[in-house]
Amino acid sequence: MEPDDEHEEGSSGPLLPPDDRLWRHPSELALFSSARTAVPASTESGGDIRMWPVALLSGVVGALLATAAVYSMGGFTHHVTIPALERDVDATPVVTLAATGAPSGFVLGAERVQASCVVLLARNKHGSEVSNGVIFRSDGMMLTTAHTVAGAQSLSATVGGSRRVTARLVALDAASDLAVVKLAGV
């Protein structure tokens, strides 16, 4: 190949550098292969090999910090939504001391609400616990404290100060210390 064969007269300028061309002359390949052996292996692929552990460690530390931030803001708490159990609403007016005006009115008001007051006896392997509750539905659903009925082997209730019935646990939420108990025969 003669020197004037490299550059044709109709071209617009000098040849492009070898890295910008689609092909290379075999003589250029020999020149570049000897130049590449002089380059250290760590920078041949475009980056220092020692940077990978640093990048990996930075990613792990960043993930741990993000997880700690979400946890401290309460992002990992599990919320349980329980649908409301109430379906029947008692439309009788609420009796208060201000509404009655006299202690005898208070006694009358207490007699009116006594039917919905419950004393619950919970028996477990350690003994018995007594709890108070209130009937909130006409089918005998009552609300009481969860710590007294948790782990109970049997439940019995005194309704209205005189009537004894059996009961069973329906739902319990230890976080709010509330339990729903179903009274039999009410």
N, C-alpha and C. Protein backbone atom coordinates (compact mmCIF):
# COMPACT_ATOMS: atom_id res chain seq x y z
N MET A 1 0.85 -1.16 0.00
CA MET A 1 0.00 0.00 0.00
C MET A 1 0.90 1.23 0.00
N GLU A 2 0.63 2.12 -0.91
CA GLU A 2 1.46 3.30 -1.03
C GLU A 2 0.88 4.43 -0.20
N PRO A 3 1.69 5.41 0.18
CA PRO A 3 1.23 6.48 1.07
C PRO A 3 0.04 7.25 0.53
N ASP A 4 -0.09 7.46 -0.76
CA ASP A 4 -1.21 8.24 -1.25
C ASP A 4 -2.48 7.39 -1.38
N ASP A 5 -2.40 6.07 -1.13
CA ASP A 5 -3.61 5.24 -1.12
C ASP A 5 -4.39 5.40 0.19
N GLU A 6 -3.71 5.81 1.24
CA GLU A 6 -4.38 5.97 2.53
C GLU A 6 -5.42 7.07 2.49
N HIS A 7 -5.10 8.13 1.83
CA HIS A 7 -5.97 9.30 1.85
C HIS A 7 -6.41 9.60 0.42
N GLU A 8 -7.69 9.39 0.13
CA GLU A 8 -8.18 9.65 -1.21
C GLU A 8 -8.42 11.15 -1.38
N GLU A 9 -8.40 11.59 -2.60
CA GLU A 9 -8.51 13.02 -2.88
C GLU A 9 -9.90 13.56 -2.59
N GLY A 10 -10.94 12.77 -2.62
CA GLY A 10 -12.29 13.27 -2.43
C GLY A 10 -12.70 13.35 -0.95
N SER A 11 -11.85 12.94 0.01
CA SER A 11 -12.23 12.96 1.42
C SER A 11 -12.13 14.37 1.98
N SER A 12 -12.80 14.62 3.07
CA SER A 12 -12.92 15.97 3.59
C SER A 12 -11.81 16.36 4.56
N GLY A 13 -11.01 15.44 5.05
CA GLY A 13 -9.98 15.83 5.99
C GLY A 13 -9.13 14.64 6.39
N PRO A 14 -8.35 14.82 7.44
CA PRO A 14 -7.48 13.74 7.90
C PRO A 14 -8.31 12.57 8.43
N LEU A 15 -7.67 11.43 8.55
CA LEU A 15 -8.34 10.25 9.05
C LEU A 15 -8.72 10.41 10.52
N LEU A 16 -9.79 9.74 10.92
CA LEU A 16 -10.23 9.77 12.31
C LEU A 16 -9.25 9.00 13.18
N PRO A 17 -9.19 9.29 14.47
CA PRO A 17 -8.34 8.49 15.36
C PRO A 17 -8.82 7.03 15.33
N PRO A 18 -7.95 6.07 15.63
CA PRO A 18 -8.31 4.65 15.52
C PRO A 18 -9.51 4.26 16.40
N ASP A 19 -9.70 4.89 17.55
CA ASP A 19 -10.82 4.53 18.42
C ASP A 19 -12.17 4.98 17.86
N ASP A 20 -12.18 5.93 16.95
CA ASP A 20 -13.43 6.45 16.40
C ASP A 20 -13.80 5.79 15.07
N ARG A 21 -12.98 4.91 14.56
CA ARG A 21 -13.26 4.26 13.28
C ARG A 21 -13.86 2.89 13.49
N LEU A 22 -14.59 2.41 12.48
CA LEU A 22 -15.20 1.09 12.53
C LEU A 22 -14.19 -0.03 12.28
N TRP A 23 -13.12 0.29 11.64
CA TRP A 23 -12.11 -0.73 11.34
C TRP A 23 -10.74 -0.19 11.64
N ARG A 24 -9.79 -1.07 11.77
CA ARG A 24 -8.39 -0.67 11.98
C ARG A 24 -7.51 -1.47 11.03
N HIS A 25 -6.46 -0.85 10.65
CA HIS A 25 -5.47 -1.52 9.80
C HIS A 25 -4.69 -2.50 10.66
N PRO A 26 -4.30 -3.64 10.11
CA PRO A 26 -3.56 -4.63 10.91
C PRO A 26 -2.31 -4.08 11.58
N SER A 27 -1.68 -3.10 10.97
CA SER A 27 -0.49 -2.52 11.60
C SER A 27 -0.88 -1.72 12.85
N GLU A 28 -2.08 -1.12 12.86
CA GLU A 28 -2.54 -0.40 14.03
C GLU A 28 -2.90 -1.37 15.16
N LEU A 29 -3.41 -2.53 14.83
CA LEU A 29 -3.76 -3.51 15.86
C LEU A 29 -2.52 -3.95 16.62
N ALA A 30 -1.43 -4.18 15.96
CA ALA A 30 -0.20 -4.59 16.63
C ALA A 30 0.29 -3.48 17.55
N LEU A 31 0.15 -2.23 17.11
CA LEU A 31 0.59 -1.09 17.92
C LEU A 31 -0.27 -0.99 19.19
N PHE A 32 -1.59 -1.17 19.06
CA PHE A 32 -2.48 -1.04 20.21
C PHE A 32 -2.38 -2.22 21.16
N SER A 33 -2.14 -3.41 20.67
CA SER A 33 -2.05 -4.56 21.57
C SER A 33 -0.81 -4.45 22.45
N SER A 34 0.29 -3.91 21.94
CA SER A 34 1.47 -3.72 22.78
C SER A 34 1.24 -2.58 23.77
N ALA A 35 0.46 -1.56 23.40
CA ALA A 35 0.17 -0.44 24.31
C ALA A 35 -0.76 -0.89 25.43
N ARG A 36 -1.67 -1.79 25.16
CA ARG A 36 -2.62 -2.25 26.17
C ARG A 36 -1.94 -3.10 27.23
N THR A 37 -0.93 -3.82 26.87
CA THR A 37 -0.23 -4.62 27.88
C THR A 37 0.50 -3.75 28.87
N ALA A 38 0.81 -2.52 28.51
CA ALA A 38 1.49 -1.62 29.43
C ALA A 38 0.53 -1.00 30.43
N VAL A 39 -0.79 -1.04 30.15
CA VAL A 39 -1.78 -0.46 31.05
C VAL A 39 -2.05 -1.45 32.17
N PRO A 40 -2.10 -1.03 33.44
CA PRO A 40 -2.40 -1.96 34.53
C PRO A 40 -3.79 -2.57 34.38
N ALA A 41 -3.97 -3.79 34.84
CA ALA A 41 -5.25 -4.50 34.69
C ALA A 41 -6.37 -3.83 35.47
N SER A 42 -6.04 -3.12 36.53
CA SER A 42 -7.07 -2.51 37.36
C SER A 42 -7.78 -1.36 36.65
N THR A 43 -7.10 -0.66 35.74
CA THR A 43 -7.73 0.48 35.08
C THR A 43 -8.14 0.16 33.66
N GLU A 44 -7.88 -1.04 33.18
CA GLU A 44 -8.22 -1.40 31.81
C GLU A 44 -9.72 -1.40 31.58
N SER A 45 -10.52 -1.86 32.54
CA SER A 45 -11.96 -1.94 32.35
C SER A 45 -12.67 -0.62 32.70
N GLY A 46 -11.94 0.38 33.00
CA GLY A 46 -12.55 1.68 33.22
C GLY A 46 -12.63 2.09 34.67
N GLY A 47 -12.21 1.29 35.62
CA GLY A 47 -12.28 1.67 37.02
C GLY A 47 -11.27 0.90 37.85
N ASP A 48 -11.01 1.37 39.02
CA ASP A 48 -10.06 0.73 39.91
C ASP A 48 -10.74 -0.45 40.61
N ILE A 49 -10.08 -1.58 40.62
CA ILE A 49 -10.65 -2.78 41.24
C ILE A 49 -10.88 -2.56 42.73
N ARG A 50 -10.08 -1.76 43.37
CA ARG A 50 -10.22 -1.50 44.79
C ARG A 50 -11.47 -0.69 45.12
N MET A 51 -12.13 -0.11 44.16
CA MET A 51 -13.31 0.71 44.41
C MET A 51 -14.58 -0.14 44.63
N TRP A 52 -14.60 -1.38 44.17
CA TRP A 52 -15.79 -2.23 44.34
C TRP A 52 -16.12 -2.48 45.80
N PRO A 53 -15.16 -2.86 46.64
CA PRO A 53 -15.52 -3.05 48.05
C PRO A 53 -16.03 -1.76 48.71
N VAL A 54 -15.47 -0.63 48.34
CA VAL A 54 -15.91 0.64 48.90
C VAL A 54 -17.35 0.94 48.46
N ALA A 55 -17.63 0.72 47.19
CA ALA A 55 -18.98 0.96 46.69
C ALA A 55 -19.98 0.01 47.34
N LEU A 56 -19.62 -1.25 47.48
CA LEU A 56 -20.50 -2.24 48.10
C LEU A 56 -20.75 -1.90 49.57
N LEU A 57 -19.71 -1.55 50.30
CA LEU A 57 -19.85 -1.17 51.70
C LEU A 57 -20.71 0.09 51.84
N SER A 58 -20.54 1.04 50.95
CA SER A 58 -21.36 2.25 51.00
C SER A 58 -22.83 1.93 50.78
N GLY A 59 -23.12 1.03 49.87
CA GLY A 59 -24.50 0.64 49.63
C GLY A 59 -25.13 -0.04 50.83
N VAL A 60 -24.37 -0.93 51.48
CA VAL A 60 -24.90 -1.64 52.66
C VAL A 60 -25.13 -0.66 53.81
N VAL A 61 -24.20 0.23 54.05
CA VAL A 61 -24.36 1.21 55.13
C VAL A 61 -25.55 2.13 54.83
N GLY A 62 -25.71 2.54 53.58
CA GLY A 62 -26.85 3.37 53.22
C GLY A 62 -28.18 2.66 53.43
N ALA A 63 -28.23 1.37 53.08
CA ALA A 63 -29.46 0.59 53.28
C ALA A 63 -29.78 0.45 54.76
N LEU A 64 -28.75 0.22 55.58
CA LEU A 64 -28.96 0.10 57.02
C LEU A 64 -29.46 1.41 57.62
N LEU A 65 -28.89 2.51 57.20
CA LEU A 65 -29.33 3.81 57.71
C LEU A 65 -30.77 4.12 57.29
N ALA A 66 -31.12 3.79 56.06
CA ALA A 66 -32.49 4.01 55.60
C ALA A 66 -33.48 3.14 56.37
N THR A 67 -33.11 1.89 56.63
CA THR A 67 -33.97 0.99 57.40
C THR A 67 -34.15 1.51 58.82
N ALA A 68 -33.07 1.97 59.44
CA ALA A 68 -33.16 2.51 60.80
C ALA A 68 -34.04 3.75 60.84
N ALA A 69 -33.95 4.59 59.83
CA ALA A 69 -34.78 5.80 59.79
C ALA A 69 -36.26 5.45 59.65
N VAL A 70 -36.59 4.49 58.80
CA VAL A 70 -37.98 4.07 58.63
C VAL A 70 -38.49 3.41 59.90
N TYR A 71 -37.68 2.60 60.54
CA TYR A 71 -38.09 1.92 61.77
C TYR A 71 -38.33 2.92 62.89
N SER A 72 -37.45 3.94 63.00
CA SER A 72 -37.61 4.92 64.08
C SER A 72 -38.86 5.79 63.89
N MET A 73 -39.33 5.91 62.66
CA MET A 73 -40.54 6.68 62.40
C MET A 73 -41.79 5.82 62.46
N GLY A 74 -41.63 4.55 62.84
CA GLY A 74 -42.79 3.68 62.98
C GLY A 74 -43.25 3.07 61.68
N GLY A 75 -42.39 2.94 60.70
CA GLY A 75 -42.76 2.40 59.40
C GLY A 75 -42.98 0.91 59.38
N PHE A 76 -42.50 0.18 60.38
CA PHE A 76 -42.63 -1.27 60.38
C PHE A 76 -43.69 -1.77 61.35
N THR A 77 -44.52 -0.90 61.88
CA THR A 77 -45.56 -1.35 62.79
C THR A 77 -46.70 -1.93 61.98
N HIS A 78 -47.30 -2.95 62.51
CA HIS A 78 -48.39 -3.64 61.83
C HIS A 78 -49.71 -3.17 62.42
N HIS A 79 -50.54 -2.60 61.58
CA HIS A 79 -51.83 -2.10 62.03
C HIS A 79 -52.92 -3.06 61.59
N VAL A 80 -53.75 -3.46 62.55
CA VAL A 80 -54.85 -4.36 62.26
C VAL A 80 -56.14 -3.56 62.37
N THR A 81 -56.92 -3.61 61.35
CA THR A 81 -58.21 -2.92 61.36
C THR A 81 -59.29 -3.96 61.60
N ILE A 82 -60.04 -3.76 62.67
CA ILE A 82 -61.13 -4.67 63.02
C ILE A 82 -62.43 -3.95 62.73
N PRO A 83 -63.29 -4.57 61.93
CA PRO A 83 -64.56 -3.90 61.63
C PRO A 83 -65.41 -3.77 62.88
N ALA A 84 -66.23 -2.76 62.92
CA ALA A 84 -67.09 -2.52 64.07
C ALA A 84 -68.09 -3.66 64.23
N LEU A 85 -68.31 -4.07 65.48
CA LEU A 85 -69.22 -5.16 65.76
C LEU A 85 -70.63 -4.69 66.06
N GLU A 86 -70.80 -3.41 66.30
CA GLU A 86 -72.10 -2.91 66.73
C GLU A 86 -73.06 -2.83 65.56
N ARG A 87 -74.27 -3.34 65.77
CA ARG A 87 -75.29 -3.23 64.74
C ARG A 87 -76.59 -2.67 65.29
N ASP A 88 -76.85 -2.87 66.59
CA ASP A 88 -78.07 -2.35 67.21
C ASP A 88 -77.69 -1.21 68.15
N VAL A 89 -78.38 -0.10 68.05
CA VAL A 89 -78.08 1.05 68.88
C VAL A 89 -79.28 1.28 69.79
N ASP A 90 -79.00 1.43 71.09
CA ASP A 90 -80.06 1.73 72.05
C ASP A 90 -80.37 3.22 71.95
N ALA A 91 -81.61 3.55 71.64
CA ALA A 91 -82.00 4.94 71.42
C ALA A 91 -82.51 5.62 72.68
N THR A 92 -82.43 4.95 73.85
CA THR A 92 -82.90 5.58 75.08
C THR A 92 -81.96 6.71 75.47
N PRO A 93 -82.49 7.78 76.06
CA PRO A 93 -81.63 8.91 76.42
C PRO A 93 -80.66 8.53 77.54
N VAL A 94 -79.51 9.19 77.54
CA VAL A 94 -78.50 8.97 78.56
C VAL A 94 -78.91 9.74 79.82
N VAL A 95 -78.82 9.05 80.97
CA VAL A 95 -79.21 9.66 82.23
C VAL A 95 -77.95 10.16 82.92
N THR A 96 -77.93 11.44 83.27
CA THR A 96 -76.80 12.03 83.99
C THR A 96 -77.31 12.71 85.24
N LEU A 97 -76.41 13.05 86.16
CA LEU A 97 -76.79 13.77 87.38
C LEU A 97 -77.38 15.13 87.05
N ALA A 98 -76.83 15.78 86.03
CA ALA A 98 -77.33 17.10 85.65
C ALA A 98 -78.75 17.00 85.10
N ALA A 99 -79.06 15.90 84.43
CA ALA A 99 -80.40 15.75 83.87
C ALA A 99 -81.44 15.44 84.94
N THR A 100 -81.04 14.73 85.97
CA THR A 100 -82.01 14.34 87.00
C THR A 100 -82.17 15.42 88.05
N GLY A 101 -81.08 16.08 88.42
CA GLY A 101 -81.16 17.19 89.37
C GLY A 101 -81.15 16.78 90.82
N ALA A 102 -81.38 15.54 91.16
CA ALA A 102 -81.45 15.15 92.57
C ALA A 102 -80.82 13.77 92.74
N PRO A 103 -80.33 13.50 93.98
CA PRO A 103 -79.74 12.18 94.22
C PRO A 103 -80.74 11.05 93.97
N SER A 104 -82.00 11.27 94.22
CA SER A 104 -82.98 10.22 93.95
C SER A 104 -83.04 9.94 92.45
N GLY A 105 -82.83 10.99 91.63
CA GLY A 105 -82.78 10.81 90.17
C GLY A 105 -81.57 10.00 89.76
N PHE A 106 -80.47 10.19 90.48
CA PHE A 106 -79.26 9.41 90.20
C PHE A 106 -79.50 7.93 90.48
N VAL A 107 -80.17 7.66 91.56
CA VAL A 107 -80.48 6.27 91.90
C VAL A 107 -81.40 5.68 90.83
N LEU A 108 -82.37 6.45 90.37
CA LEU A 108 -83.25 5.97 89.31
C LEU A 108 -82.46 5.72 88.01
N GLY A 109 -81.52 6.62 87.71
CA GLY A 109 -80.68 6.45 86.51
C GLY A 109 -79.81 5.21 86.61
N ALA A 110 -79.25 4.96 87.81
CA ALA A 110 -78.42 3.77 88.01
C ALA A 110 -79.25 2.51 87.85
N GLU A 111 -80.46 2.53 88.29
CA GLU A 111 -81.34 1.38 88.12
C GLU A 111 -81.65 1.12 86.65
N ARG A 112 -81.74 2.19 85.87
CA ARG A 112 -82.03 2.04 84.43
C ARG A 112 -80.87 1.41 83.68
N VAL A 113 -79.63 1.75 84.04
CA VAL A 113 -78.48 1.22 83.31
C VAL A 113 -77.92 -0.05 83.95
N GLN A 114 -78.43 -0.46 85.10
CA GLN A 114 -77.91 -1.63 85.79
C GLN A 114 -78.03 -2.90 84.94
N ALA A 115 -79.04 -2.97 84.10
CA ALA A 115 -79.24 -4.16 83.26
C ALA A 115 -78.10 -4.37 82.26
N SER A 116 -77.38 -3.32 81.92
CA SER A 116 -76.27 -3.47 80.97
C SER A 116 -74.91 -3.59 81.67
N CYS A 117 -74.88 -3.55 82.99
CA CYS A 117 -73.62 -3.69 83.74
C CYS A 117 -73.38 -5.16 84.06
N VAL A 118 -72.11 -5.58 83.89
CA VAL A 118 -71.75 -6.99 84.05
C VAL A 118 -70.54 -7.11 84.95
N VAL A 119 -70.56 -8.12 85.84
CA VAL A 119 -69.38 -8.50 86.61
C VAL A 119 -68.93 -9.84 86.03
N LEU A 120 -67.70 -9.88 85.51
CA LEU A 120 -67.19 -11.05 84.82
C LEU A 120 -66.18 -11.77 85.70
N LEU A 121 -66.31 -13.09 85.81
CA LEU A 121 -65.38 -13.92 86.57
C LEU A 121 -64.65 -14.81 85.58
N ALA A 122 -63.32 -14.63 85.50
CA ALA A 122 -62.48 -15.40 84.59
C ALA A 122 -61.62 -16.36 85.41
N ARG A 123 -61.75 -17.65 85.14
CA ARG A 123 -60.95 -18.67 85.85
C ARG A 123 -59.86 -19.17 84.93
N ASN A 124 -58.63 -19.20 85.45
CA ASN A 124 -57.51 -19.75 84.70
C ASN A 124 -56.70 -20.67 85.62
N LYS A 125 -55.57 -21.18 85.14
CA LYS A 125 -54.81 -22.14 85.94
C LYS A 125 -54.17 -21.51 87.17
N HIS A 126 -54.07 -20.18 87.24
CA HIS A 126 -53.47 -19.50 88.38
C HIS A 126 -54.51 -19.04 89.41
N GLY A 127 -55.78 -19.15 89.08
CA GLY A 127 -56.83 -18.70 90.00
C GLY A 127 -57.96 -18.02 89.24
N SER A 128 -58.57 -17.03 89.88
CA SER A 128 -59.70 -16.31 89.27
C SER A 128 -59.42 -14.82 89.27
N GLU A 129 -59.99 -14.14 88.27
CA GLU A 129 -59.89 -12.69 88.18
C GLU A 129 -61.28 -12.14 87.94
N VAL A 130 -61.57 -11.00 88.56
CA VAL A 130 -62.86 -10.35 88.43
C VAL A 130 -62.68 -9.09 87.61
N SER A 131 -63.62 -8.86 86.71
CA SER A 131 -63.57 -7.69 85.84
C SER A 131 -64.98 -7.14 85.67
N ASN A 132 -65.07 -5.87 85.42
CA ASN A 132 -66.36 -5.24 85.12
C ASN A 132 -66.45 -5.04 83.62
N GLY A 133 -67.67 -5.00 83.12
CA GLY A 133 -67.89 -4.77 81.70
C GLY A 133 -69.24 -4.18 81.46
N VAL A 134 -69.51 -3.88 80.21
CA VAL A 134 -70.79 -3.29 79.83
C VAL A 134 -71.28 -3.97 78.56
N ILE A 135 -72.57 -4.28 78.53
CA ILE A 135 -73.18 -4.86 77.33
C ILE A 135 -73.40 -3.72 76.34
N PHE A 136 -72.89 -3.91 75.13
CA PHE A 136 -73.03 -2.84 74.14
C PHE A 136 -73.91 -3.23 72.97
N ARG A 137 -74.42 -4.46 72.95
CA ARG A 137 -75.32 -4.90 71.89
C ARG A 137 -76.43 -5.75 72.47
N SER A 138 -77.56 -5.75 71.83
CA SER A 138 -78.72 -6.47 72.36
C SER A 138 -78.56 -7.98 72.32
N ASP A 139 -77.61 -8.52 71.55
CA ASP A 139 -77.43 -9.96 71.49
C ASP A 139 -76.40 -10.47 72.52
N GLY A 140 -76.03 -9.64 73.49
CA GLY A 140 -75.17 -10.09 74.58
C GLY A 140 -73.69 -9.86 74.39
N MET A 141 -73.29 -9.04 73.45
CA MET A 141 -71.86 -8.71 73.29
C MET A 141 -71.50 -7.68 74.35
N MET A 142 -70.40 -7.95 75.06
CA MET A 142 -69.97 -7.02 76.11
C MET A 142 -68.52 -6.64 75.92
N LEU A 143 -68.16 -5.51 76.48
CA LEU A 143 -66.80 -4.97 76.40
C LEU A 143 -66.19 -5.01 77.79
N THR A 144 -64.94 -5.52 77.89
CA THR A 144 -64.24 -5.60 79.17
C THR A 144 -62.74 -5.44 78.94
N THR A 145 -61.95 -5.59 80.00
CA THR A 145 -60.50 -5.47 79.88
C THR A 145 -59.90 -6.79 79.42
N ALA A 146 -58.89 -6.69 78.56
CA ALA A 146 -58.30 -7.89 77.96
C ALA A 146 -57.41 -8.65 78.94
N HIS A 147 -56.71 -7.95 79.83
CA HIS A 147 -55.77 -8.65 80.71
C HIS A 147 -56.47 -9.59 81.69
N THR A 148 -57.74 -9.37 81.97
CA THR A 148 -58.44 -10.26 82.90
C THR A 148 -58.96 -11.51 82.22
N VAL A 149 -59.24 -11.47 80.93
CA VAL A 149 -59.78 -12.64 80.24
C VAL A 149 -58.74 -13.38 79.41
N ALA A 150 -57.54 -12.82 79.28
CA ALA A 150 -56.50 -13.47 78.48
C ALA A 150 -56.09 -14.78 79.16
N GLY A 151 -56.17 -15.87 78.44
CA GLY A 151 -55.78 -17.17 78.97
C GLY A 151 -56.80 -17.81 79.89
N ALA A 152 -58.01 -17.28 79.95
CA ALA A 152 -59.04 -17.83 80.84
C ALA A 152 -59.53 -19.17 80.29
N GLN A 153 -59.70 -20.12 81.22
CA GLN A 153 -60.22 -21.43 80.84
C GLN A 153 -61.75 -21.44 80.85
N SER A 154 -62.35 -20.62 81.71
CA SER A 154 -63.81 -20.51 81.72
C SER A 154 -64.19 -19.09 82.13
N LEU A 155 -65.32 -18.64 81.59
CA LEU A 155 -65.83 -17.31 81.89
C LEU A 155 -67.28 -17.43 82.33
N SER A 156 -67.63 -16.71 83.40
CA SER A 156 -69.02 -16.61 83.82
C SER A 156 -69.29 -15.16 84.19
N ALA A 157 -70.55 -14.75 84.07
CA ALA A 157 -70.88 -13.35 84.28
C ALA A 157 -72.14 -13.22 85.12
N THR A 158 -72.18 -12.12 85.87
CA THR A 158 -73.38 -11.74 86.61
C THR A 158 -73.92 -10.48 85.95
N VAL A 159 -75.10 -10.59 85.37
CA VAL A 159 -75.71 -9.49 84.62
C VAL A 159 -76.77 -8.82 85.47
N GLY A 160 -76.72 -7.50 85.52
CA GLY A 160 -77.72 -6.73 86.25
C GLY A 160 -77.70 -6.96 87.75
N GLY A 161 -76.64 -7.49 88.29
CA GLY A 161 -76.50 -7.69 89.72
C GLY A 161 -77.09 -8.98 90.24
N SER A 162 -77.80 -9.76 89.40
CA SER A 162 -78.44 -10.95 89.96
C SER A 162 -78.39 -12.17 89.03
N ARG A 163 -78.46 -12.01 87.75
CA ARG A 163 -78.57 -13.14 86.83
C ARG A 163 -77.19 -13.66 86.41
N ARG A 164 -76.93 -14.96 86.59
CA ARG A 164 -75.64 -15.57 86.22
C ARG A 164 -75.78 -16.27 84.87
N VAL A 165 -74.78 -16.04 84.01
CA VAL A 165 -74.75 -16.66 82.68
C VAL A 165 -73.31 -17.07 82.36
N THR A 166 -73.16 -17.98 81.40
CA THR A 166 -71.82 -18.33 80.93
C THR A 166 -71.44 -17.37 79.81
N ALA A 167 -70.14 -17.32 79.52
CA ALA A 167 -69.64 -16.39 78.51
C ALA A 167 -68.49 -17.04 77.76
N ARG A 168 -68.20 -16.50 76.57
CA ARG A 168 -67.04 -16.96 75.79
C ARG A 168 -66.35 -15.75 75.16
N LEU A 169 -65.03 -15.87 75.01
CA LEU A 169 -64.23 -14.79 74.45
C LEU A 169 -64.41 -14.75 72.93
N VAL A 170 -64.68 -13.55 72.38
CA VAL A 170 -64.86 -13.38 70.95
C VAL A 170 -63.62 -12.75 70.32
N ALA A 171 -63.13 -11.69 70.92
CA ALA A 171 -61.97 -10.98 70.37
C ALA A 171 -61.18 -10.35 71.51
N LEU A 172 -59.86 -10.20 71.28
CA LEU A 172 -58.98 -9.64 72.31
C LEU A 172 -57.91 -8.81 71.64
N ASP A 173 -57.66 -7.61 72.16
CA ASP A 173 -56.59 -6.75 71.67
C ASP A 173 -55.75 -6.32 72.85
N ALA A 174 -54.58 -6.94 72.99
CA ALA A 174 -53.72 -6.65 74.14
C ALA A 174 -53.16 -5.23 74.10
N ALA A 175 -52.96 -4.68 72.90
CA ALA A 175 -52.39 -3.34 72.79
C ALA A 175 -53.30 -2.28 73.40
N SER A 176 -54.61 -2.41 73.22
CA SER A 176 -55.54 -1.44 73.80
C SER A 176 -56.20 -1.96 75.07
N ASP A 177 -55.87 -3.19 75.48
CA ASP A 177 -56.41 -3.84 76.69
C ASP A 177 -57.93 -3.91 76.65
N LEU A 178 -58.47 -4.24 75.49
CA LEU A 178 -59.91 -4.40 75.35
C LEU A 178 -60.23 -5.80 74.85
N ALA A 179 -61.35 -6.33 75.33
CA ALA A 179 -61.80 -7.65 74.90
C ALA A 179 -63.30 -7.60 74.67
N VAL A 180 -63.77 -8.39 73.70
CA VAL A 180 -65.20 -8.53 73.44
C VAL A 180 -65.58 -9.94 73.86
N VAL A 181 -66.61 -10.03 74.70
CA VAL A 181 -67.08 -11.31 75.25
C VAL A 181 -68.55 -11.47 74.89
N LYS A 182 -68.95 -12.68 74.51
CA LYS A 182 -70.34 -12.98 74.18
C LYS A 182 -70.98 -13.68 75.37
N LEU A 183 -72.07 -13.12 75.87
CA LEU A 183 -72.81 -13.70 76.99
C LEU A 183 -73.87 -14.65 76.45
N ALA A 184 -73.97 -15.83 77.03
CA ALA A 184 -74.96 -16.81 76.58
C ALA A 184 -76.32 -16.49 77.18
N GLY A 185 -77.36 -16.58 76.38
CA GLY A 185 -78.73 -16.39 76.86
C GLY A 185 -79.14 -14.98 77.15
N VAL A 186 -78.41 -14.02 76.66
CA VAL A 186 -78.78 -12.62 76.92
C VAL A 186 -79.43 -12.05 75.68
